[in-house]
Structures are given as structure tokens and as C-alpha cells.
């Protein structure tokens, strides 16, 4: 296989892997009814005048499936952490006992589960569109390489390989979404 086409295949595979990882990261953020430390990852706390991630001022644990416990390293940080969680609008009501901040994660209603499944499908579709755009870009570069002297059959082989890669990554995204949907719908 021609060197230019090989480079396009490797490049496309790398970009598709990044798209898969991004989709996986977005799916992790969608809560599935059980408490996870990652639920408060996006929360920033005011710490000596600058906003910092909550994990830099406290330890975040889940002692059971319905509770998140945030233990600040400095007792003075309890009320700023509580305030930051309220302002983040995550749908949680934090309670502090002077030592730790507890968040009780309410069970998901059927309607909320359906909304989350829609969100999962949307994230999956976004990931697949990204993979298809990568395929389109790679095919355009292969056509350009063909104009620059790469043999036509080499270019056709390259396009076929790009299509195989696309199919593999779309299937991987579908499997990620399927697993997340199952996790959300399991009561």
C-alpha cells in the first residue's frame, strides 16, 4: 500500500479513537441513578479567590449507592463547597454536618430515565457523526493523493479500509450507548 494512504489510515484511526473516547467520556457524565464521584467533577469551588475543581479541595467518596460524601481538607471550605454544588444546578440538595458534605442521590423516575436515554442516544449520534466526518476528510485526502500520483487501485483500497474503520468505530459507539442505556433502565 502507498505510504500516503497508509498515513491517512493511521491518522483517521487516531482521530476515530479520540472520537470514541470523547463519546465514552460524555456518556460517563450522564448519571445512571447510582452515586458516583464523577457526578461532581464539573463543580468548581471558590478557593482563595479562584475557582478550582472540587477534587482539589476535598476528597469525594461514595459509601453506598445513594450517597456522595465530600470531605474538605480545610473545615472553612464546607460552606463554599455546599454553595458551589447548589449553584452547579445538578439537582442535588447537599447537607453538611460541620465535618463533611453529604449528597443523597434520589432514585430516577421513569420519565427521567427516558430523558437520560434520549440524551445517551444524542451523544451516540454526535459521536457517529464525528466518525463519519473523519471518514469524509480521509477520503478527500486520498482523492487528493490520487491526483498527486497515487495509483487508482491503491486509492480505492485506501477508501475501502477507511470504510472498514468507520464501521468498526460506529459499532463500538453503538455498544457503548447500548451498555449505558441498559445501565440507566436497570432499576
Protein backbone atom coordinates (compact mmCIF):
# COMPACT_ATOMS: atom_id res chain seq x y z
CA UNK A 1 0.00 0.00 0.00
CA UNK A 2 1.18 3.51 -0.83
CA UNK A 3 2.82 5.48 2.00
CA UNK A 4 0.45 8.48 1.67
CA UNK A 5 -2.60 6.24 2.02
CA UNK A 6 -1.07 4.41 4.98
CA UNK A 7 -0.56 7.77 6.72
CA UNK A 8 -4.22 8.70 6.05
CA UNK A 9 -5.39 5.37 7.54
CA UNK A 10 -3.29 5.83 10.69
CA UNK A 11 -4.42 9.44 11.00
CA UNK A 12 -8.10 8.52 10.57
CA UNK A 13 -7.78 5.68 13.10
CA UNK A 14 -6.23 8.03 15.67
CA UNK A 15 -8.99 10.61 15.20
CA UNK A 16 -11.72 7.95 15.38
CA UNK A 17 -10.20 6.61 18.61
CA UNK A 18 -10.32 10.13 20.06
CA UNK A 19 -13.98 10.47 18.98
CA UNK A 20 -14.77 7.14 20.68
CA UNK A 21 -13.00 8.21 23.89
CA UNK A 22 -14.79 11.57 23.85
CA UNK A 23 -18.17 9.87 23.45
CA UNK A 24 -17.31 7.49 26.28
CA UNK A 25 -16.36 10.46 28.48
CA UNK A 26 -19.63 12.22 27.70
CA UNK A 27 -21.62 9.07 28.50
CA UNK A 28 -19.87 8.71 31.86
CA UNK A 29 -21.18 12.16 32.82
CA UNK A 30 -24.79 11.01 32.37
CA UNK A 31 -25.86 9.69 35.74
CA UNK A 32 -27.49 6.29 35.90
CA UNK A 33 -29.22 6.51 39.26
CA UNK A 34 -26.37 5.44 41.48
CA UNK A 35 -23.99 7.79 43.23
CA UNK A 36 -20.59 8.25 41.59
CA UNK A 37 -17.77 10.68 42.47
CA UNK A 38 -17.70 11.76 38.80
CA UNK A 39 -21.12 13.42 39.30
CA UNK A 40 -19.44 16.41 40.93
CA UNK A 41 -16.45 16.59 38.54
CA UNK A 42 -17.74 19.72 36.81
CA UNK A 43 -18.26 21.61 40.09
CA UNK A 44 -15.81 24.43 40.81
CA UNK A 45 -15.34 25.89 44.29
CA UNK A 46 -14.15 29.41 45.14
CA UNK A 47 -10.79 28.82 46.87
CA UNK A 48 -8.86 31.94 47.94
CA UNK A 49 -10.36 33.96 45.11
CA UNK A 50 -10.03 31.47 42.25
CA UNK A 51 -12.37 28.73 41.07
CA UNK A 52 -10.84 25.25 41.42
CA UNK A 53 -12.31 21.78 40.82
CA UNK A 54 -13.94 20.31 43.92
CA UNK A 55 -11.46 17.40 43.88
CA UNK A 56 -8.61 19.84 44.59
CA UNK A 57 -10.08 21.00 47.90
CA UNK A 58 -11.75 17.81 49.15
CA UNK A 59 -11.94 14.05 48.84
CA UNK A 60 -15.07 12.73 47.13
CA UNK A 61 -16.32 9.24 48.07
CA UNK A 62 -19.42 7.11 47.68
CA UNK A 63 -20.00 5.00 50.80
CA UNK A 64 -23.15 3.47 49.27
CA UNK A 65 -25.17 3.54 46.02
CA UNK A 66 -27.26 6.58 47.08
CA UNK A 67 -24.77 8.85 48.88
CA UNK A 68 -21.83 11.04 47.90
CA UNK A 69 -19.63 12.22 50.77
CA UNK A 70 -17.34 15.22 50.24
CA UNK A 71 -14.75 15.74 52.96
CA UNK A 72 -12.90 19.07 52.62
CA UNK A 73 -9.26 19.26 53.63
CA UNK A 74 -9.98 22.56 55.38
CA UNK A 75 -13.10 22.95 57.58
CA UNK A 76 -13.58 26.50 56.26
CA UNK A 77 -14.34 25.04 52.81
CA UNK A 78 -17.58 23.30 53.87
CA UNK A 79 -19.96 26.17 53.11
CA UNK A 80 -18.24 27.18 49.80
CA UNK A 81 -18.48 23.52 48.66
CA UNK A 82 -22.15 23.37 49.63
CA UNK A 83 -22.80 26.67 47.81
CA UNK A 84 -20.92 25.50 44.67
CA UNK A 85 -22.97 22.30 44.49
CA UNK A 86 -26.22 24.28 44.79
CA UNK A 87 -25.09 26.74 42.08
CA UNK A 88 -24.00 23.90 39.75
CA UNK A 89 -27.70 23.01 39.46
CA UNK A 90 -27.12 19.24 39.49
CA UNK A 91 -30.49 18.55 41.07
CA UNK A 92 -28.92 17.64 44.43
CA UNK A 93 -29.58 19.06 47.87
CA UNK A 94 -26.29 18.96 49.83
CA UNK A 95 -26.32 18.76 53.64
CA UNK A 96 -23.37 19.50 55.86
CA UNK A 97 -22.80 18.30 59.41
CA UNK A 98 -19.81 20.54 60.11
CA UNK A 99 -17.29 17.89 59.04
CA UNK A 100 -18.46 16.58 55.64
CA UNK A 101 -20.97 17.49 52.93
CA UNK A 102 -23.42 14.67 52.15
CA UNK A 103 -25.41 14.44 48.95
CA UNK A 104 -28.31 11.99 48.81
CA UNK A 105 -28.81 10.94 45.20
CA UNK A 106 -32.53 10.47 44.60
CA UNK A 107 -33.67 7.43 42.60
CA UNK A 108 -34.55 8.18 38.98
CA UNK A 109 -38.19 8.42 37.95
CA UNK A 110 -39.35 6.59 34.81
CA UNK A 111 -39.72 9.91 32.97
CA UNK A 112 -36.18 10.99 33.96
CA UNK A 113 -34.80 7.62 32.80
CA UNK A 114 -36.41 8.13 29.38
CA UNK A 115 -34.92 11.64 29.15
CA UNK A 116 -31.48 10.24 30.02
CA UNK A 117 -31.83 7.53 27.36
CA UNK A 118 -32.63 10.27 24.81
CA UNK A 119 -29.51 12.10 25.96
CA UNK A 120 -27.44 8.92 25.53
CA UNK A 121 -28.81 8.43 22.01
CA UNK A 122 -27.98 12.07 21.16
CA UNK A 123 -24.40 11.68 22.45
CA UNK A 124 -24.04 8.44 20.48
CA UNK A 125 -25.31 10.09 17.32
CA UNK A 126 -22.91 13.01 17.84
CA UNK A 127 -20.03 10.52 18.14
CA UNK A 128 -21.10 8.70 14.97
CA UNK A 129 -21.37 11.97 13.03
CA UNK A 130 -17.84 12.83 14.15
CA UNK A 131 -16.56 9.44 12.93
CA UNK A 132 -18.32 9.92 9.58
CA UNK A 133 -16.77 13.38 9.20
CA UNK A 134 -13.35 11.87 9.85
CA UNK A 135 -14.09 9.31 7.10
CA UNK A 136 -15.10 12.09 4.70
CA UNK A 137 -11.91 14.07 5.40
CA UNK A 138 -9.73 10.97 4.97
CA UNK A 139 -11.41 10.06 1.67
CA UNK A 140 -10.89 13.61 0.37
CA UNK A 141 -7.20 13.41 1.26
CA UNK A 142 -6.92 10.04 -0.50
CA UNK A 143 -8.55 11.51 -3.64
CA UNK A 144 -6.08 14.42 -3.47
CA UNK A 145 -3.21 11.93 -3.14
CA UNK A 146 -4.56 10.10 -6.20
CA UNK A 147 -4.39 13.35 -8.19
CA UNK A 148 -0.81 13.74 -6.95
CA UNK A 149 0.20 10.40 -8.47
CA UNK A 150 -1.08 7.56 -6.26
CA UNK A 151 -2.45 4.65 -8.32
CA UNK A 152 -6.23 4.46 -8.65
CA UNK A 153 -6.49 0.91 -7.27
CA UNK A 154 -4.36 1.94 -4.27
CA UNK A 155 -6.74 4.85 -3.62
CA UNK A 156 -9.79 2.54 -3.90
CA UNK A 157 -8.17 0.12 -1.44
CA UNK A 158 -7.50 3.01 0.93
CA UNK A 159 -11.10 4.17 0.74
CA UNK A 160 -12.31 0.62 1.45
CA UNK A 161 -10.04 0.42 4.51
CA UNK A 162 -11.34 3.79 5.75
CA UNK A 163 -14.91 2.46 5.39
CA UNK A 164 -14.00 -0.67 7.40
CA UNK A 165 -12.52 1.54 10.15
CA UNK A 166 -15.65 3.69 10.13
CA UNK A 167 -17.89 0.64 10.50
CA UNK A 168 -15.79 -0.68 13.40
CA UNK A 169 -15.88 2.62 15.33
CA UNK A 170 -19.59 3.18 14.74
CA UNK A 171 -20.23 -0.32 16.10
CA UNK A 172 -18.07 0.48 19.17
CA UNK A 173 -20.07 3.68 19.80
CA UNK A 174 -23.34 1.74 19.43
CA UNK A 175 -22.13 -0.79 22.02
CA UNK A 176 -21.14 1.99 24.46
CA UNK A 177 -24.57 3.58 24.10
CA UNK A 178 -26.34 0.24 24.44
CA UNK A 179 -24.49 -0.51 27.69
CA UNK A 180 -25.27 2.96 29.08
CA UNK A 181 -28.96 2.65 28.16
CA UNK A 182 -29.13 -0.72 29.90
CA UNK A 183 -27.44 0.79 32.98
CA UNK A 184 -29.96 3.67 33.07
CA UNK A 185 -33.03 1.49 32.55
CA UNK A 186 -31.99 -1.06 35.21
CA UNK A 187 -33.95 -0.21 38.32
